[in-house]
Amino acid sequence: MLIAQITDMHLKGEGELLFGRVDTTGFLERAVAHVNALDPRPDIVLATGDLVNDGGAEQYANLARVLSALDMPVYLIPGNHDARDAMRAAFPEHRYLPADGFLQYTVEGLPVRLIALDTLVPGKGSGELCDVRLAWLEARLVESDRPTLIFMHHPPFDCGITAMDEQHGLTDGRERLSEIVRRHPNVERVMCGHVHRPIQVRWAGTVASIAPSTAHQATLDLRPGAALSMKMEPPGIALHQWREGTGLVTHLSYVGNYDGPKPFRQL
């Protein structure tokens, strides 16, 4: 089974540029074409938050238009730039989305079980997992010991980029989430977005990972106290392949036109 993860698309309305210069719609259109052209083709797509930039209906309409070109099912979760009700209204055909409350759900019937978590706190860049959301997660994990992937927007660990860790991280529920995951060794991966960089870490007895943005990336600046900035590095997606006997193997796939493929030179 092959899963494509796209994240942090930050769409504006059709024809609008983010910050007056970043064509996030064009970037996502190219990412969608990239996913469709992969061979083998992914079975599903996970879109892990900050789907749009300001939570507006026009932006979600633009997102729905672009994502409709995907040749496989896509599963959505909100990030801190999203709005739950507007997101629900824009995707009525996505019946896995709860009709009210938090946008948390499970996806069954695949080689691995998927659990979506909602870390959104309206009006804040940081995220949280309250007692209600965590109790829901524990109840879902108790239901099955099948291999399980959890996907959420805010990562549950510090990544070393100061502003992300101290101002925009998962501020509440991190410790209890770690305790819950440790009790369930069938959790193969926690897959996140938010940081606009490819990052992996051993966490809570499993692996937690972050995928890069389909548009702009956060500057890789690990100096303590460094201000948050962005860089127009190549956009990318994460490709998670479930391999029987091995587990989840993740690749970074850059979106764009690059020279190759060509044979390696013989030494």
Foldseek 3Di string as FASTA:
>chain_A
DKEWEAEQLAFDAVPQAVVRPWHSLVLLLLVLVVQQPDVVHGQEYEYAESLHQAADLRRLLSSCVSNVSHPHYYDYAYAQNHDLVSNCVSCVVPVQQDPDDHRWGWDDDDQEIETEAHFYDHPFLAGEQDPVRVVVVLVVLVVDLHQYEYEHAADLDDDLPACCRPGRHHDYDSVVVLVSCLVRLSDAEYEYESQQDWDWDCGSNHIYTYAHHSIWHWDPDNPPPDDIDIDGDFGWIKMWDQDPPPGTDIDIGTRDDDDDDDDDDDD
